[in-house]
Amino acid sequence: LAPCDMHLDEDEFLTPEKVPFDRAVEMVLSGE
């Protein structure tokens, strides 16, 4: 990965976050 300019669509609102991969899998298994 390398950074570039983030450019959301005009009707798009979201927040990107880095999550430890193992934590993301736990979030799947817990239903989060």
Full PDB file with SEQRES, HELIX, SHEET, SSBOND, CRYST1, ORIGX, SCALE, CONECT and MASTER records, all heavy atoms in Angstrom:
SEQRES   1 A   32  LEU ALA PRO CYS ASP MET HIS LEU ASP GLU ASP GLU PHE          
SEQRES   2 A   32  LEU THR PRO GLU LYS VAL PRO PHE ASP ARG ALA VAL GLU          
SEQRES   3 A   32  MET VAL LEU SER GLY GLU                                      
HELIX    1 AA1 PHE A   21  SER A   30  1                                  10    
CRYST1    1.000    1.000    1.000  90.00  90.00  90.00 P 1           1          
ORIGX1      1.000000  0.000000  0.000000        0.00000                         
ORIGX2      0.000000  1.000000  0.000000        0.00000                         
ORIGX3      0.000000  0.000000  1.000000        0.00000                         
SCALE1      1.000000  0.000000  0.000000        0.00000                         
SCALE2      0.000000  1.000000  0.000000        0.00000                         
SCALE3      0.000000  0.000000  1.000000        0.00000                         
ATOM      1  N   LEU A   1       0.818  -1.219   0.000  1.00  0.00           N  
ATOM      2  CA  LEU A   1       0.000   0.000   0.000  1.00  0.00           C  
ATOM      3  C   LEU A   1       0.849   1.266   0.000  1.00  0.00           C  
ATOM      4  O   LEU A   1       1.919   1.309   0.593  1.00  0.00           O  
ATOM      5  CB  LEU A   1      -0.919   0.007   1.224  1.00  0.00           C  
ATOM      6  CG  LEU A   1      -1.802  -1.235   1.422  1.00  0.00           C  
ATOM      7  CD1 LEU A   1      -2.593  -1.115   2.713  1.00  0.00           C  
ATOM      8  CD2 LEU A   1      -2.720  -1.444   0.230  1.00  0.00           C  
ATOM      9  N   ALA A   2       0.319   2.300  -0.655  1.00  0.00           N  
ATOM     10  CA  ALA A   2       0.936   3.632  -0.667  1.00  0.00           C  
ATOM     11  C   ALA A   2      -0.181   4.660  -0.655  1.00  0.00           C  
ATOM     12  O   ALA A   2      -1.262   4.419  -1.210  1.00  0.00           O  
ATOM     13  CB  ALA A   2       1.816   3.808  -1.901  1.00  0.00           C  
ATOM     14  N   PRO A   3       0.055   5.817  -0.017  1.00  0.00           N  
ATOM     15  CA  PRO A   3      -0.993   6.837   0.049  1.00  0.00           C  
ATOM     16  C   PRO A   3      -1.216   7.542  -1.293  1.00  0.00           C  
ATOM     17  O   PRO A   3      -0.308   7.656  -2.114  1.00  0.00           O  
ATOM     18  CB  PRO A   3      -0.474   7.819   1.097  1.00  0.00           C  
ATOM     19  CG  PRO A   3       0.994   7.602   1.141  1.00  0.00           C  
ATOM     20  CD  PRO A   3       1.251   6.195   0.726  1.00  0.00           C  
ATOM     21  N   CYS A   4      -2.452   7.975  -1.497  1.00  0.00           N  
ATOM     22  CA  CYS A   4      -2.829   8.831  -2.619  1.00  0.00           C  
ATOM     23  C   CYS A   4      -3.945   9.739  -2.116  1.00  0.00           C  
ATOM     24  O   CYS A   4      -4.341   9.654  -0.945  1.00  0.00           O  
ATOM     25  CB  CYS A   4      -3.270   8.020  -3.837  1.00  0.00           C  
ATOM     26  SG  CYS A   4      -4.835   7.151  -3.668  1.00  0.00           S  
ATOM     27  N   ASP A   5      -4.455  10.595  -2.950  1.00  0.00           N  
ATOM     28  CA  ASP A   5      -5.536  11.490  -2.529  1.00  0.00           C  
ATOM     29  C   ASP A   5      -6.837  10.722  -2.374  1.00  0.00           C  
ATOM     30  O   ASP A   5      -7.248  10.003  -3.288  1.00  0.00           O  
ATOM     31  CB  ASP A   5      -5.735  12.617  -3.540  1.00  0.00           C  
ATOM     32  CG  ASP A   5      -4.617  13.632  -3.526  1.00  0.00           C  
ATOM     33  OD1 ASP A   5      -3.971  13.779  -2.460  1.00  0.00           O  
ATOM     34  OD2 ASP A   5      -4.376  14.278  -4.561  1.00  0.00           O  
ATOM     35  N   MET A   6      -7.479  10.877  -1.214  1.00  0.00           N  
ATOM     36  CA  MET A   6      -8.798  10.292  -0.967  1.00  0.00           C  
ATOM     37  C   MET A   6      -9.823  11.249  -1.580  1.00  0.00           C  
ATOM     38  O   MET A   6      -9.723  12.459  -1.397  1.00  0.00           O  
ATOM     39  CB  MET A   6      -9.012  10.162   0.551  1.00  0.00           C  
ATOM     40  CG  MET A   6     -10.268   9.464   0.942  1.00  0.00           C  
ATOM     41  SD  MET A   6     -10.249   9.193   2.747  1.00  0.00           S  
ATOM     42  CE  MET A   6     -11.988   9.162   3.061  1.00  0.00           C  
ATOM     43  N   HIS A   7     -10.783  10.742  -2.319  1.00  0.00           N  
ATOM     44  CA  HIS A   7     -11.774  11.603  -2.966  1.00  0.00           C  
ATOM     45  C   HIS A   7     -13.128  10.894  -3.019  1.00  0.00           C  
ATOM     46  O   HIS A   7     -13.439  10.185  -3.971  1.00  0.00           O  
ATOM     47  CB  HIS A   7     -11.301  12.026  -4.362  1.00  0.00           C  
ATOM     48  CG  HIS A   7     -10.790  10.892  -5.200  1.00  0.00           C  
ATOM     49  ND1 HIS A   7      -9.538  10.352  -5.054  1.00  0.00           N  
ATOM     50  CD2 HIS A   7     -11.373  10.183  -6.187  1.00  0.00           C  
ATOM     51  CE1 HIS A   7      -9.374   9.366  -5.915  1.00  0.00           C  
ATOM     52  NE2 HIS A   7     -10.475   9.241  -6.604  1.00  0.00           N  
ATOM     53  N   LEU A   8     -13.900  11.083  -1.971  1.00  0.00           N  
ATOM     54  CA  LEU A   8     -15.219  10.465  -1.874  1.00  0.00           C  
ATOM     55  C   LEU A   8     -16.170  11.095  -2.890  1.00  0.00           C  
ATOM     56  O   LEU A   8     -16.003  12.253  -3.286  1.00  0.00           O  
ATOM     57  CB  LEU A   8     -15.786  10.661  -0.471  1.00  0.00           C  
ATOM     58  CG  LEU A   8     -15.011  10.012   0.676  1.00  0.00           C  
ATOM     59  CD1 LEU A   8     -15.593  10.429   2.014  1.00  0.00           C  
ATOM     60  CD2 LEU A   8     -15.026   8.498   0.546  1.00  0.00           C  
ATOM     61  N   ASP A   9     -17.187  10.321  -3.282  1.00  0.00           N  
ATOM     62  CA  ASP A   9     -18.261  10.882  -4.093  1.00  0.00           C  
ATOM     63  C   ASP A   9     -18.973  11.950  -3.273  1.00  0.00           C  
ATOM     64  O   ASP A   9     -18.948  11.915  -2.029  1.00  0.00           O  
ATOM     65  CB  ASP A   9     -19.247   9.786  -4.498  1.00  0.00           C  
ATOM     66  CG  ASP A   9     -18.627   8.741  -5.416  1.00  0.00           C  
ATOM     67  OD1 ASP A   9     -17.639   9.065  -6.114  1.00  0.00           O  
ATOM     68  OD2 ASP A   9     -19.138   7.606  -5.434  1.00  0.00           O  
ATOM     69  N   GLU A  10     -19.644  12.892  -3.941  1.00  0.00           N  
ATOM     70  CA  GLU A  10     -20.263  14.013  -3.217  1.00  0.00           C  
ATOM     71  C   GLU A  10     -21.379  13.590  -2.272  1.00  0.00           C  
ATOM     72  O   GLU A  10     -21.682  14.291  -1.314  1.00  0.00           O  
ATOM     73  CB  GLU A  10     -20.770  15.072  -4.194  1.00  0.00           C  
ATOM     74  CG  GLU A  10     -21.924  14.636  -5.062  1.00  0.00           C  
ATOM     75  CD  GLU A  10     -22.407  15.731  -6.004  1.00  0.00           C  
ATOM     76  OE1 GLU A  10     -21.584  16.546  -6.437  1.00  0.00           O  
ATOM     77  OE2 GLU A  10     -23.611  15.746  -6.282  1.00  0.00           O  
ATOM     78  N   ASP A  11     -21.971  12.419  -2.488  1.00  0.00           N  
ATOM     79  CA  ASP A  11     -23.036  11.937  -1.600  1.00  0.00           C  
ATOM     80  C   ASP A  11     -22.568  10.795  -0.708  1.00  0.00           C  
ATOM     81  O   ASP A  11     -23.365  10.044  -0.161  1.00  0.00           O  
ATOM     82  CB  ASP A  11     -24.248  11.505  -2.421  1.00  0.00           C  
ATOM     83  CG  ASP A  11     -23.961  10.335  -3.353  1.00  0.00           C  
ATOM     84  OD1 ASP A  11     -22.772  10.009  -3.577  1.00  0.00           O  
ATOM     85  OD2 ASP A  11     -24.937   9.737  -3.860  1.00  0.00           O  
ATOM     86  N   GLU A  12     -21.254  10.681  -0.522  1.00  0.00           N  
ATOM     87  CA  GLU A  12     -20.664   9.573   0.228  1.00  0.00           C  
ATOM     88  C   GLU A  12     -19.975  10.110   1.486  1.00  0.00           C  
ATOM     89  O   GLU A  12     -19.151  11.015   1.400  1.00  0.00           O  
ATOM     90  CB  GLU A  12     -19.649   8.864  -0.680  1.00  0.00           C  
ATOM     91  CG  GLU A  12     -19.089   7.585  -0.161  1.00  0.00           C  
ATOM     92  CD  GLU A  12     -18.251   6.886  -1.219  1.00  0.00           C  
ATOM     93  OE1 GLU A  12     -17.543   7.544  -1.991  1.00  0.00           O  
ATOM     94  OE2 GLU A  12     -18.317   5.654  -1.245  1.00  0.00           O  
ATOM     95  N   PHE A  13     -20.319   9.524   2.615  1.00  0.00           N  
ATOM     96  CA  PHE A  13     -19.732   9.933   3.898  1.00  0.00           C  
ATOM     97  C   PHE A  13     -19.315   8.676   4.646  1.00  0.00           C  
ATOM     98  O   PHE A  13     -20.144   7.832   4.960  1.00  0.00           O  
ATOM     99  CB  PHE A  13     -20.749  10.731   4.718  1.00  0.00           C  
ATOM    100  CG  PHE A  13     -21.273  11.925   3.973  1.00  0.00           C  
ATOM    101  CD1 PHE A  13     -22.438  11.839   3.225  1.00  0.00           C  
ATOM    102  CD2 PHE A  13     -20.579  13.127   4.003  1.00  0.00           C  
ATOM    103  CE1 PHE A  13     -22.915  12.934   2.517  1.00  0.00           C  
ATOM    104  CE2 PHE A  13     -21.040  14.225   3.301  1.00  0.00           C  
ATOM    105  CZ  PHE A  13     -22.210  14.126   2.559  1.00  0.00           C  
ATOM    106  N   LEU A  14     -18.024   8.543   4.897  1.00  0.00           N  
ATOM    107  CA  LEU A  14     -17.523   7.367   5.594  1.00  0.00           C  
ATOM    108  C   LEU A  14     -16.203   7.705   6.265  1.00  0.00           C  
ATOM    109  O   LEU A  14     -15.578   8.724   5.970  1.00  0.00           O  
ATOM    110  CB  LEU A  14     -17.363   6.185   4.631  1.00  0.00           C  
ATOM    111  CG  LEU A  14     -16.494   6.381   3.386  1.00  0.00           C  
ATOM    112  CD1 LEU A  14     -15.013   6.253   3.684  1.00  0.00           C  
ATOM    113  CD2 LEU A  14     -16.900   5.365   2.338  1.00  0.00           C  
ATOM    114  N   THR A  15     -15.799   6.832   7.167  1.00  0.00           N  
ATOM    115  CA  THR A  15     -14.531   6.999   7.865  1.00  0.00           C  
ATOM    116  C   THR A  15     -13.710   5.727   7.705  1.00  0.00           C  
ATOM    117  O   THR A  15     -14.143   4.650   8.132  1.00  0.00           O  
ATOM    118  CB  THR A  15     -14.768   7.260   9.374  1.00  0.00           C  
ATOM    119  OG1 THR A  15     -15.609   8.404   9.514  1.00  0.00           O  
ATOM    120  CG2 THR A  15     -13.450   7.499  10.098  1.00  0.00           C  
ATOM    121  N   PRO A  16     -12.524   5.820   7.064  1.00  0.00           N  
ATOM    122  CA  PRO A  16     -11.650   4.646   6.979  1.00  0.00           C  
ATOM    123  C   PRO A  16     -10.848   4.482   8.260  1.00  0.00           C  
ATOM    124  O   PRO A  16     -10.443   5.471   8.880  1.00  0.00           O  
ATOM    125  CB  PRO A  16     -10.733   4.967   5.795  1.00  0.00           C  
ATOM    126  CG  PRO A  16     -10.692   6.452   5.740  1.00  0.00           C  
ATOM    127  CD  PRO A  16     -12.001   6.949   6.308  1.00  0.00           C  
ATOM    128  N   GLU A  17     -10.657   3.239   8.676  1.00  0.00           N  
ATOM    129  CA  GLU A  17      -9.867   2.955   9.879  1.00  0.00           C  
ATOM    130  C   GLU A  17      -9.050   1.689   9.669  1.00  0.00           C  
ATOM    131  O   GLU A  17      -9.544   0.714   9.109  1.00  0.00           O  
ATOM    132  CB  GLU A  17     -10.778   2.765  11.094  1.00  0.00           C  
ATOM    133  CG  GLU A  17     -11.499   4.020  11.515  1.00  0.00           C  
ATOM    134  CD  GLU A  17     -12.252   3.850  12.816  1.00  0.00           C  
ATOM    135  OE1 GLU A  17     -11.844   3.023  13.654  1.00  0.00           O  
ATOM    136  OE2 GLU A  17     -13.262   4.544  12.987  1.00  0.00           O  
ATOM    137  N   LYS A  18      -7.805   1.713  10.141  1.00  0.00           N  
ATOM    138  CA  LYS A  18      -6.987   0.502  10.160  1.00  0.00           C  
ATOM    139  C   LYS A  18      -7.358  -0.298  11.403  1.00  0.00           C  
ATOM    140  O   LYS A  18      -7.410   0.237  12.506  1.00  0.00           O  
ATOM    141  CB  LYS A  18      -5.496   0.850  10.209  1.00  0.00           C  
ATOM    142  CG  LYS A  18      -4.945   1.339   8.910  1.00  0.00           C  
ATOM    143  CD  LYS A  18      -3.434   1.440   8.929  1.00  0.00           C  
ATOM    144  CE  LYS A  18      -2.988   2.588   9.794  1.00  0.00           C  
ATOM    145  NZ  LYS A  18      -1.533   2.826   9.713  1.00  0.00           N  
ATOM    146  N   VAL A  19      -7.606  -1.580  11.195  1.00  0.00           N  
ATOM    147  CA  VAL A  19      -7.981  -2.475  12.279  1.00  0.00           C  
ATOM    148  C   VAL A  19      -7.035  -3.675  12.211  1.00  0.00           C  
ATOM    149  O   VAL A  19      -6.801  -4.208  11.126  1.00  0.00           O  
ATOM    150  CB  VAL A  19      -9.448  -2.944  12.124  1.00  0.00           C  
ATOM    151  CG1 VAL A  19      -9.829  -3.973  13.172  1.00  0.00           C  
ATOM    152  CG2 VAL A  19     -10.398  -1.747  12.162  1.00  0.00           C  
ATOM    153  N   PRO A  20      -6.477  -4.122  13.344  1.00  0.00           N  
ATOM    154  CA  PRO A  20      -5.674  -5.350  13.293  1.00  0.00           C  
ATOM    155  C   PRO A  20      -6.487  -6.467  12.630  1.00  0.00           C  
ATOM    156  O   PRO A  20      -7.673  -6.649  12.943  1.00  0.00           O  
ATOM    157  CB  PRO A  20      -5.384  -5.652  14.761  1.00  0.00           C  
ATOM    158  CG  PRO A  20      -5.463  -4.306  15.436  1.00  0.00           C  
ATOM    159  CD  PRO A  20      -6.557  -3.566  14.703  1.00  0.00           C  
ATOM    160  N   PHE A  21      -5.853  -7.202  11.723  1.00  0.00           N  
ATOM    161  CA  PHE A  21      -6.579  -8.214  10.965  1.00  0.00           C  
ATOM    162  C   PHE A  21      -7.261  -9.228  11.878  1.00  0.00           C  
ATOM    163  O   PHE A  21      -8.436  -9.556  11.687  1.00  0.00           O  
ATOM    164  CB  PHE A  21      -5.662  -8.932   9.965  1.00  0.00           C  
ATOM    165  CG  PHE A  21      -6.423  -9.902   9.121  1.00  0.00           C  
ATOM    166  CD1 PHE A  21      -7.149  -9.455   8.030  1.00  0.00           C  
ATOM    167  CD2 PHE A  21      -6.453 -11.254   9.430  1.00  0.00           C  
ATOM    168  CE1 PHE A  21      -7.884 -10.340   7.255  1.00  0.00           C  
ATOM    169  CE2 PHE A  21      -7.185 -12.149   8.667  1.00  0.00           C  
ATOM    170  CZ  PHE A  21      -7.908 -11.692   7.573  1.00  0.00           C  
ATOM    171  N   ASP A  22      -6.562  -9.717  12.890  1.00  0.00           N  
ATOM    172  CA  ASP A  22      -7.157 -10.701  13.797  1.00  0.00           C  
ATOM    173  C   ASP A  22      -8.372 -10.121  14.523  1.00  0.00           C  
ATOM    174  O   ASP A  22      -9.351 -10.827  14.774  1.00  0.00           O  
ATOM    175  CB  ASP A  22      -6.126 -11.213  14.805  1.00  0.00           C  
ATOM    176  CG  ASP A  22      -5.039 -12.053  14.143  1.00  0.00           C  
ATOM    177  OD1 ASP A  22      -5.267 -12.573  13.020  1.00  0.00           O  
ATOM    178  OD2 ASP A  22      -3.945 -12.183  14.734  1.00  0.00           O  
ATOM    179  N   ARG A  23      -8.312  -8.833  14.848  1.00  0.00           N  
ATOM    180  CA  ARG A  23      -9.454  -8.162  15.487  1.00  0.00           C  
ATOM    181  C   ARG A  23     -10.632  -8.099  14.517  1.00  0.00           C  
ATOM    182  O   ARG A  23     -11.779  -8.304  14.907  1.00  0.00           O  
ATOM    183  CB  ARG A  23      -9.051  -6.758  15.957  1.00  0.00           C  
ATOM    184  CG  ARG A  23     -10.194  -5.893  16.432  1.00  0.00           C  
ATOM    185  CD  ARG A  23     -10.790  -6.373  17.764  1.00  0.00           C  
ATOM    186  NE  ARG A  23     -11.912  -5.537  18.130  1.00  0.00           N  
ATOM    187  CZ  ARG A  23     -13.162  -5.992  18.314  1.00  0.00           C  
ATOM    188  NH1 ARG A  23     -13.430  -7.282  18.229  1.00  0.00           N  
ATOM    189  NH2 ARG A  23     -14.133  -5.170  18.619  1.00  0.00           N  
ATOM    190  N   ALA A  24     -10.353  -7.824  13.228  1.00  0.00           N  
ATOM    191  CA  ALA A  24     -11.423  -7.779  12.228  1.00  0.00           C  
ATOM    192  C   ALA A  24     -12.112  -9.144  12.120  1.00  0.00           C  
ATOM    193  O   ALA A  24     -13.344  -9.213  12.029  1.00  0.00           O  
ATOM    194  CB  ALA A  24     -10.879  -7.339  10.883  1.00  0.00           C  
ATOM    195  N   VAL A  25     -11.339 -10.218  12.155  1.00  0.00           N  
ATOM    196  CA  VAL A  25     -11.931 -11.564  12.120  1.00  0.00           C  
ATOM    197  C   VAL A  25     -12.782 -11.790  13.369  1.00  0.00           C  
ATOM    198  O   VAL A  25     -13.890 -12.330  13.289  1.00  0.00           O  
ATOM    199  CB  VAL A  25     -10.846 -12.649  11.968  1.00  0.00           C  
ATOM    200  CG1 VAL A  25     -11.428 -14.052  12.152  1.00  0.00           C  
ATOM    201  CG2 VAL A  25     -10.166 -12.528  10.602  1.00  0.00           C  
ATOM    202  N   GLU A  26     -12.290 -11.356  14.542  1.00  0.00           N  
ATOM    203  CA  GLU A  26     -13.094 -11.452  15.769  1.00  0.00           C  
ATOM    204  C   GLU A  26     -14.402 -10.673  15.624  1.00  0.00           C  
ATOM    205  O   GLU A  26     -15.454 -11.119  16.089  1.00  0.00           O  
ATOM    206  CB  GLU A  26     -12.310 -10.898  16.964  1.00  0.00           C  
ATOM    207  CG  GLU A  26     -11.163 -11.755  17.427  1.00  0.00           C  
ATOM    208  CD  GLU A  26     -10.308 -11.061  18.486  1.00  0.00           C  
ATOM    209  OE1 GLU A  26     -10.740 -10.018  19.041  1.00  0.00           O  
ATOM    210  OE2 GLU A  26      -9.203 -11.561  18.759  1.00  0.00           O  
ATOM    211  N   MET A  27     -14.342  -9.502  14.973  1.00  0.00           N  
ATOM    212  CA  MET A  27     -15.543  -8.681  14.756  1.00  0.00           C  
ATOM    213  C   MET A  27     -16.547  -9.412  13.871  1.00  0.00           C  
ATOM    214  O   MET A  27     -17.760  -9.294  14.059  1.00  0.00           O  
ATOM    215  CB  MET A  27     -15.164  -7.330  14.158  1.00  0.00           C  
ATOM    216  CG  MET A  27     -14.377  -6.441  15.110  1.00  0.00           C  
ATOM    217  SD  MET A  27     -13.618  -5.020  14.280  1.00  0.00           S  
ATOM    218  CE  MET A  27     -15.065  -4.006  13.925  1.00  0.00           C  
ATOM    219  N   VAL A  28     -16.057 -10.185  12.899  1.00  0.00           N  
ATOM    220  CA  VAL A  28     -16.942 -11.002  12.061  1.00  0.00           C  
ATOM    221  C   VAL A  28     -17.594 -12.072  12.922  1.00  0.00           C  
ATOM    222  O   VAL A  28     -18.816 -12.249  12.917  1.00  0.00           O  
ATOM    223  CB  VAL A  28     -16.163 -11.650  10.893  1.00  0.00           C  
ATOM    224  CG1 VAL A  28     -16.985 -12.754  10.234  1.00  0.00           C  
ATOM    225  CG2 VAL A  28     -15.739 -10.609   9.864  1.00  0.00           C  
ATOM    226  N   LEU A  29     -16.785 -12.794  13.684  1.00  0.00           N  
ATOM    227  CA  LEU A  29     -17.303 -13.918  14.471  1.00  0.00           C  
ATOM    228  C   LEU A  29     -18.245 -13.481  15.581  1.00  0.00           C  
ATOM    229  O   LEU A  29     -19.168 -14.228  15.940  1.00  0.00           O  
ATOM    230  CB  LEU A  29     -16.134 -14.728  15.036  1.00  0.00           C  
ATOM    231  CG  LEU A  29     -15.232 -15.374  13.975  1.00  0.00           C  
ATOM    232  CD1 LEU A  29     -14.044 -16.064  14.641  1.00  0.00           C  
ATOM    233  CD2 LEU A  29     -16.005 -16.320  13.082  1.00  0.00           C  
ATOM    234  N   SER A  30     -18.057 -12.279  16.114  1.00  0.00           N  
ATOM    235  CA  SER A  30     -18.935 -11.778  17.171  1.00  0.00           C  
ATOM    236  C   SER A  30     -20.204 -11.139  16.624  1.00  0.00           C  
ATOM    237  O   SER A  30     -21.113 -10.816  17.391  1.00  0.00           O  
ATOM    238  CB  SER A  30     -18.192 -10.758  18.036  1.00  0.00           C  
ATOM    239  OG  SER A  30     -18.019  -9.533  17.316  1.00  0.00           O  
ATOM    240  N   GLY A  31     -20.270 -10.926  15.315  1.00  0.00           N  
ATOM    241  CA  GLY A  31     -21.437 -10.279  14.727  1.00  0.00           C  
ATOM    242  C   GLY A  31     -21.326  -8.770  14.658  1.00  0.00           C  
ATOM    243  O   GLY A  31     -22.264  -8.101  14.228  1.00  0.00           O  
ATOM    244  N   GLU A  32     -20.195  -8.220  15.057  1.00  0.00           N  
ATOM    245  CA  GLU A  32     -20.013  -6.764  14.968  1.00  0.00           C  
ATOM    246  C   GLU A  32     -19.889  -6.331  13.500  1.00  0.00           C  
ATOM    247  O   GLU A  32     -20.347  -5.264  13.124  1.00  0.00           O  
ATOM    248  CB  GLU A  32     -18.771  -6.351  15.756  1.00  0.00           C  
ATOM    249  CG  GLU A  32     -18.614  -4.872  15.930  1.00  0.00           C  
ATOM    250  CD  GLU A  32     -17.446  -4.508  16.846  1.00  0.00           C  
ATOM    251  OE1 GLU A  32     -16.860  -5.408  17.490  1.00  0.00           O  
ATOM    252  OE2 GLU A  32     -17.118  -3.321  16.894  1.00  0.00           O  
TER     253      GLU A  32                                                      
MASTER        0    0    0    1    0    0    0    6  252    1    0    3          
END                                                                             
